[in-house]
Amino acid sequence: MIDSDALLTWFSAHRRPLLWRAPGTTAWGVLVSEVMSQQTPVARVEPRWQDWMQRWPTPQHVAEASTAEILTAWDRLGYPRRALRLKECARAITEQHNGEVPDELAALLALPGIGDYTARAVLAFHYRRRVPVVDTNVRRVISRAVHGRFLPQPARKKDLADVETLLPEGDDPATHDKAAEISTAIMELGALVCTASSPNCLECPVLTSCRWQQLGCPEPSAAELEASKKRVQKFQGTDRQVRGKIMALARAHTRVGHAEIDAIWEDKAQLSRALYSLLDDGLLEAVGTDAFALPE
């Protein structure tokens, strides 16, 4: 079992001053930060989040912005379909919730593009509710500290139950606040100390209660290592990379012709596949017979 008091003491001294943790950040600001941070390093997210919140501080502002403006502001965060879903989410919040991010799990999950992790993150990190929150960092900490395995298993339903057992019981606000702080601290521990390949165990606040340490730090099996490698997504040479190059070109110009697109990638079959997948996803639209642009 994780020593929650030791964890919270460590977190109090080492928590990162992330922009969206500042006092006064709205539920919308927290939601935007979580959507932007999906599979994207925090260092890349912070400047985009700050620009975004200054420009569009409420869901209504995003709902009223054009799709082209949204995609341009998204810049190089990657997975730009997230930006489209965020615009749809903002419209739903504006139209169905009077512009206020809902504070109930079912209502959050009903929003376009909002999955279980993001809904729970908003509830815990902004509304300070006692709800388990599980991402890759949390799963890794639980795998090691609770189950004694260096590498976490693929995501599973039991992950939520594993985390919930670490949260204090009770319905009073103080207990909920402590539970939310523990959820944040576990995630921070995975991001800063209990990292994927080189955990800094000597600096870990739960070293003495860590099950993996108690078992003698067993190495993962060959099968576990192979499965872990397969779960890591490569980027170079993939359709994702080509899509990103096309989107960067589209953000920089009002319209982009076929000739300009052809010049950015040698594999024309892959280039064509990437281009038409962007059209199918609603991230680009055809303009005339030989040009493309960000959708309005």
Protein backbone atom coordinates (compact mmCIF):
# COMPACT_ATOMS: atom_id res chain seq x y z
CA MET A 1 0.00 0.00 0.00
CA ILE A 2 1.31 3.46 -0.88
CA ASP A 3 2.18 5.73 2.06
CA SER A 4 -0.17 8.60 1.17
CA ASP A 5 1.14 10.94 3.87
CA ALA A 6 4.72 10.60 2.60
CA LEU A 7 3.45 11.07 -0.95
CA LEU A 8 1.60 14.28 -0.08
CA THR A 9 4.60 15.68 1.79
CA TRP A 10 6.76 15.05 -1.27
CA PHE A 11 4.12 16.54 -3.58
CA SER A 12 3.88 19.70 -1.50
CA ALA A 13 7.61 20.29 -2.04
CA HIS A 14 7.99 19.13 -5.64
CA ARG A 15 4.76 19.84 -7.50
CA ARG A 16 5.34 21.61 -10.80
CA PRO A 17 3.87 25.11 -11.09
CA LEU A 18 1.85 24.22 -14.18
CA LEU A 19 -0.14 27.15 -15.53
CA TRP A 20 -3.49 25.41 -15.15
CA ARG A 21 -2.77 24.68 -11.48
CA ALA A 22 -2.74 28.41 -10.69
CA PRO A 23 -5.53 29.69 -8.40
CA GLY A 24 -8.48 30.96 -10.35
CA THR A 25 -8.16 28.53 -13.26
CA THR A 26 -11.65 27.66 -14.40
CA ALA A 27 -13.09 24.21 -15.00
CA TRP A 28 -12.92 25.03 -18.71
CA GLY A 29 -9.22 25.84 -18.36
CA VAL A 30 -8.59 22.49 -16.67
CA LEU A 31 -10.61 20.65 -19.33
CA VAL A 32 -8.66 22.34 -22.14
CA SER A 33 -5.35 21.48 -20.46
CA GLU A 34 -6.30 17.83 -20.18
CA VAL A 35 -7.39 17.56 -23.81
CA MET A 36 -4.20 19.27 -25.00
CA SER A 37 -1.99 17.09 -22.78
CA GLN A 38 -3.20 13.80 -24.22
CA GLN A 39 -0.09 12.14 -25.73
CA THR A 40 1.65 15.54 -25.75
CA PRO A 41 4.49 16.70 -23.43
CA VAL A 42 3.58 19.41 -20.92
CA ALA A 43 6.40 21.67 -22.15
CA ARG A 44 4.72 21.87 -25.56
CA VAL A 45 1.26 22.30 -24.11
CA GLU A 46 1.84 25.21 -21.72
CA PRO A 47 2.46 28.00 -24.29
CA ARG A 48 -0.41 26.81 -26.49
CA TRP A 49 -2.73 26.56 -23.49
CA GLN A 50 -1.83 30.05 -22.33
CA ASP A 51 -2.42 31.55 -25.78
CA TRP A 52 -5.67 29.62 -26.13
CA MET A 53 -7.08 30.70 -22.77
CA GLN A 54 -6.16 34.34 -23.36
CA ARG A 55 -7.91 34.26 -26.71
CA TRP A 56 -10.87 32.04 -25.81
CA PRO A 57 -11.35 32.06 -22.02
CA THR A 58 -14.80 30.42 -22.08
CA PRO A 59 -16.55 27.62 -23.97
CA GLN A 60 -18.70 30.22 -25.72
CA HIS A 61 -15.62 31.92 -27.17
CA VAL A 62 -14.44 28.62 -28.66
CA ALA A 63 -17.91 27.75 -29.93
CA GLU A 64 -18.06 31.04 -31.82
CA ALA A 65 -14.56 30.76 -33.34
CA SER A 66 -14.12 29.41 -36.85
CA THR A 67 -12.70 25.95 -37.37
CA ALA A 68 -9.75 27.48 -39.25
CA GLU A 69 -8.95 29.70 -36.25
CA ILE A 70 -9.14 26.73 -33.90
CA LEU A 71 -6.86 24.55 -36.02
CA THR A 72 -4.36 27.36 -36.51
CA ALA A 73 -4.20 28.03 -32.76
CA TRP A 74 -3.75 24.30 -32.14
CA ASP A 75 -0.49 24.68 -34.07
CA ARG A 76 1.84 21.64 -33.71
CA LEU A 77 0.29 19.96 -30.69
CA GLY A 78 -0.50 16.95 -32.84
CA TYR A 79 -3.65 14.85 -33.20
CA PRO A 80 -5.61 17.91 -34.47
CA ARG A 81 -8.90 16.04 -34.34
CA ARG A 82 -8.72 16.87 -30.64
CA ALA A 83 -9.17 20.52 -31.59
CA LEU A 84 -12.32 19.71 -33.57
CA ARG A 85 -13.74 17.72 -30.68
CA LEU A 86 -12.89 20.55 -28.29
CA LYS A 87 -14.89 22.95 -30.44
CA GLU A 88 -17.83 20.52 -30.45
CA CYS A 89 -17.47 20.15 -26.68
CA ALA A 90 -17.50 23.94 -26.24
CA ARG A 91 -20.67 24.21 -28.32
CA ALA A 92 -22.40 21.53 -26.24
CA ILE A 93 -21.40 23.20 -22.96
CA THR A 94 -22.65 26.55 -24.25
CA GLU A 95 -25.95 25.20 -25.54
CA GLN A 96 -26.75 22.52 -22.96
CA HIS A 97 -25.09 23.76 -19.74
CA ASN A 98 -25.35 27.56 -19.97
CA GLY A 99 -21.63 27.80 -20.63
CA GLU A 100 -20.62 26.03 -17.41
CA VAL A 101 -18.55 22.84 -17.44
CA PRO A 102 -20.74 20.24 -15.69
CA ASP A 103 -19.63 18.80 -12.35
CA GLU A 104 -21.14 15.32 -12.69
CA LEU A 105 -19.41 12.35 -14.32
CA ALA A 106 -22.33 11.32 -16.54
CA ALA A 107 -22.80 14.86 -17.86
CA LEU A 108 -19.09 15.22 -18.60
CA LEU A 109 -18.96 11.88 -20.39
CA ALA A 110 -21.91 12.97 -22.55
CA LEU A 111 -19.87 15.87 -23.95
CA PRO A 112 -18.33 15.34 -27.42
CA GLY A 113 -14.74 14.16 -27.28
CA ILE A 114 -14.63 13.76 -23.50
CA GLY A 115 -13.59 10.32 -22.36
CA ASP A 116 -13.40 8.69 -18.96
CA TYR A 117 -9.96 10.03 -18.07
CA THR A 118 -10.68 13.68 -18.96
CA ALA A 119 -14.06 13.63 -17.19
CA ARG A 120 -12.53 12.25 -14.02
CA ALA A 121 -9.58 14.64 -14.21
CA VAL A 122 -11.91 17.65 -14.32
CA LEU A 123 -13.88 16.31 -11.36
CA ALA A 124 -10.78 15.64 -9.26
CA PHE A 125 -8.46 18.47 -10.24
CA HIS A 126 -10.99 21.29 -10.46
CA TYR A 127 -14.10 20.26 -8.56
CA ARG A 128 -12.00 18.39 -5.96
CA ARG A 129 -14.12 15.25 -5.96
CA ARG A 130 -13.16 11.83 -4.64
CA VAL A 131 -12.87 10.05 -7.96
CA PRO A 132 -10.01 7.81 -9.14
CA VAL A 133 -8.08 9.23 -12.11
CA VAL A 134 -5.89 6.93 -14.19
CA ASP A 135 -3.45 7.85 -16.93
CA THR A 136 -0.19 6.25 -18.09
CA ASN A 137 1.80 7.76 -15.22
CA VAL A 138 -0.68 6.59 -12.59
CA ARG A 139 -0.88 3.11 -14.09
CA ARG A 140 2.91 2.80 -13.93
CA VAL A 141 3.08 3.88 -10.26
CA ILE A 142 0.30 1.47 -9.30
CA SER A 143 1.94 -1.36 -11.23
CA ARG A 144 5.19 -0.94 -9.32
CA ALA A 145 4.18 0.32 -5.90
CA VAL A 146 1.06 -1.83 -5.46
CA HIS A 147 1.52 -4.89 -7.67
CA GLY A 148 5.32 -5.21 -7.78
CA ARG A 149 5.57 -5.21 -11.58
CA PHE A 150 8.03 -2.90 -13.33
CA LEU A 151 5.95 -2.60 -16.48
CA PRO A 152 2.22 -1.91 -16.28
CA GLN A 153 -0.28 -4.11 -18.03
CA PRO A 154 -2.46 -2.61 -20.79
CA ALA A 155 -5.26 -0.37 -19.52
CA ARG A 156 -8.05 -2.27 -17.81
CA LYS A 157 -11.17 -1.57 -15.75
CA LYS A 158 -9.49 -2.73 -12.54
CA ASP A 159 -7.11 0.24 -12.72
CA LEU A 160 -9.82 2.53 -11.34
CA ALA A 161 -10.49 0.19 -8.44
CA ASP A 162 -6.76 -0.02 -7.68
CA VAL A 163 -6.52 3.76 -7.40
CA GLU A 164 -9.75 4.15 -5.47
CA THR A 165 -8.42 1.94 -2.69
CA LEU A 166 -5.69 4.55 -2.12
CA LEU A 167 -8.15 7.41 -1.60
CA PRO A 168 -9.45 8.26 1.89
CA GLU A 169 -13.05 7.33 2.66
CA GLY A 170 -15.66 9.95 3.54
CA ASP A 171 -18.14 12.39 2.06
CA ASP A 172 -16.98 15.59 3.71
CA PRO A 173 -15.21 18.30 1.65
CA ALA A 174 -11.89 17.89 3.48
CA THR A 175 -11.75 14.19 2.64
CA HIS A 176 -12.64 14.85 -0.99
CA ASP A 177 -9.96 17.53 -1.19
CA LYS A 178 -7.33 15.16 0.21
CA ALA A 179 -8.41 12.46 -2.22
CA ALA A 180 -8.06 14.88 -5.14
CA GLU A 181 -4.60 15.88 -3.89
CA ILE A 182 -3.54 12.23 -3.70
CA SER A 183 -4.78 11.65 -7.26
CA THR A 184 -2.70 14.58 -8.48
CA ALA A 185 0.33 13.50 -6.43
CA ILE A 186 0.33 9.95 -7.83
CA MET A 187 0.27 11.35 -11.36
CA GLU A 188 3.11 13.76 -10.54
CA LEU A 189 5.16 10.95 -9.03
CA GLY A 190 4.87 8.99 -12.26
CA ALA A 191 5.82 12.03 -14.33
CA LEU A 192 8.85 13.10 -12.28
CA VAL A 193 10.23 10.12 -10.33
CA CYS A 194 8.63 6.78 -11.24
CA THR A 195 9.37 7.26 -14.92
CA ALA A 196 9.04 4.67 -17.65
CA SER A 197 12.61 3.48 -18.21
CA SER A 198 14.79 5.04 -15.49
CA PRO A 199 12.90 5.56 -12.23
CA ASN A 200 14.74 7.59 -9.60
CA CYS A 201 13.91 5.25 -6.76
CA LEU A 202 16.27 6.86 -4.25
CA GLU A 203 14.21 10.06 -4.49
CA CYS A 204 10.85 8.29 -4.26
CA PRO A 205 8.72 9.20 -1.21
CA VAL A 206 7.07 5.76 -1.18
CA LEU A 207 10.29 3.77 -1.52
CA THR A 208 9.83 1.80 1.71
CA SER A 209 6.21 0.88 0.94
CA CYS A 210 6.78 0.08 -2.75
CA ARG A 211 5.91 -3.54 -3.52
CA TRP A 212 8.40 -3.71 -6.41
CA GLN A 213 11.20 -2.70 -4.04
CA GLN A 214 10.05 -5.19 -1.41
CA LEU A 215 10.23 -7.97 -4.01
CA GLY A 216 13.81 -7.06 -4.87
CA CYS A 217 13.10 -5.06 -8.03
CA PRO A 218 12.38 -8.03 -10.34
CA GLU A 219 13.12 -7.47 -14.01
CA PRO A 220 10.24 -7.69 -16.50
CA SER A 221 9.98 -10.86 -18.53
CA ALA A 222 10.95 -10.98 -22.20
CA ALA A 223 7.28 -11.22 -23.13
CA GLU A 224 6.44 -8.13 -21.05
CA LEU A 225 9.29 -6.17 -22.65
CA GLU A 226 8.15 -7.15 -26.15
CA ALA A 227 4.54 -6.19 -25.40
CA SER A 228 5.71 -2.85 -24.02
CA LYS A 229 7.72 -2.08 -27.16
CA LYS A 230 4.69 -2.80 -29.34
CA ARG A 231 2.62 -0.28 -27.36
CA VAL A 232 5.09 2.55 -28.05
CA GLN A 233 3.91 4.49 -31.11
CA LYS A 234 6.60 5.53 -33.57
CA PHE A 235 6.30 8.79 -35.50
CA GLN A 236 9.04 9.13 -38.10
CA GLY A 237 7.90 7.99 -41.51
CA THR A 238 4.30 7.38 -40.47
CA ASP A 239 1.09 8.78 -41.93
CA ARG A 240 0.89 10.91 -38.77
CA GLN A 241 4.11 12.66 -39.74
CA VAL A 242 2.85 13.29 -43.27
CA ARG A 243 -0.49 14.57 -42.00
CA GLY A 244 1.37 16.95 -39.69
CA LYS A 245 3.41 18.35 -42.59
CA ILE A 246 0.28 18.94 -44.67
CA MET A 247 -1.48 20.62 -41.75
CA ALA A 248 1.54 22.88 -41.12
CA LEU A 249 1.41 23.95 -44.76
CA ALA A 250 -2.32 24.62 -44.56
CA ARG A 251 -1.95 26.69 -41.39
CA ALA A 252 0.68 28.88 -43.07
CA HIS A 253 -1.35 29.66 -46.21
CA THR A 254 -4.90 30.63 -47.08
CA ARG A 255 -5.02 27.82 -49.60
CA VAL A 256 -2.55 25.14 -50.69
CA GLY A 257 -2.30 23.63 -54.16
CA HIS A 258 -1.54 20.04 -55.08
CA ALA A 259 1.89 21.05 -56.34
CA GLU A 260 2.87 22.53 -52.98
CA ILE A 261 1.66 19.43 -51.15
CA ASP A 262 3.47 17.11 -53.56
CA ALA A 263 6.76 18.84 -52.73
CA ILE A 264 6.74 17.90 -49.02
CA TRP A 265 6.92 14.07 -49.26
CA GLU A 266 8.49 11.62 -51.71
CA ASP A 267 6.14 8.67 -51.22
CA LYS A 268 3.17 9.86 -53.29
CA ALA A 269 0.90 6.98 -52.31
CA GLN A 270 1.43 7.72 -48.64
CA LEU A 271 1.04 11.45 -49.28
CA SER A 272 -2.27 10.90 -51.04
CA ARG A 273 -3.50 8.62 -48.27
CA ALA A 274 -2.60 11.20 -45.63
CA LEU A 275 -4.20 14.05 -47.57
CA TYR A 276 -7.52 12.30 -48.09
CA SER A 277 -7.61 11.11 -44.49
CA LEU A 278 -7.41 14.79 -43.46
CA LEU A 279 -10.34 15.53 -45.75
CA ASP A 280 -12.32 12.62 -44.30
CA ASP A 281 -11.59 13.85 -40.74
CA GLY A 282 -12.85 17.35 -41.54
CA LEU A 283 -9.41 18.90 -40.97
CA LEU A 284 -9.10 20.11 -44.57
CA GLU A 285 -11.58 20.95 -47.29
CA ALA A 286 -11.24 21.08 -51.06
CA VAL A 287 -11.25 24.54 -52.63
CA GLY A 288 -12.05 24.41 -56.33
CA THR A 289 -10.48 21.55 -58.26
CA ASP A 290 -6.84 21.75 -57.24
CA ALA A 291 -6.46 23.39 -53.83
CA PHE A 292 -7.15 22.76 -50.16
CA ALA A 293 -7.68 24.92 -47.08
CA LEU A 294 -8.55 24.74 -43.42
CA PRO A 295 -12.33 24.47 -43.03
CA GLU A 296 -14.30 27.52 -41.97
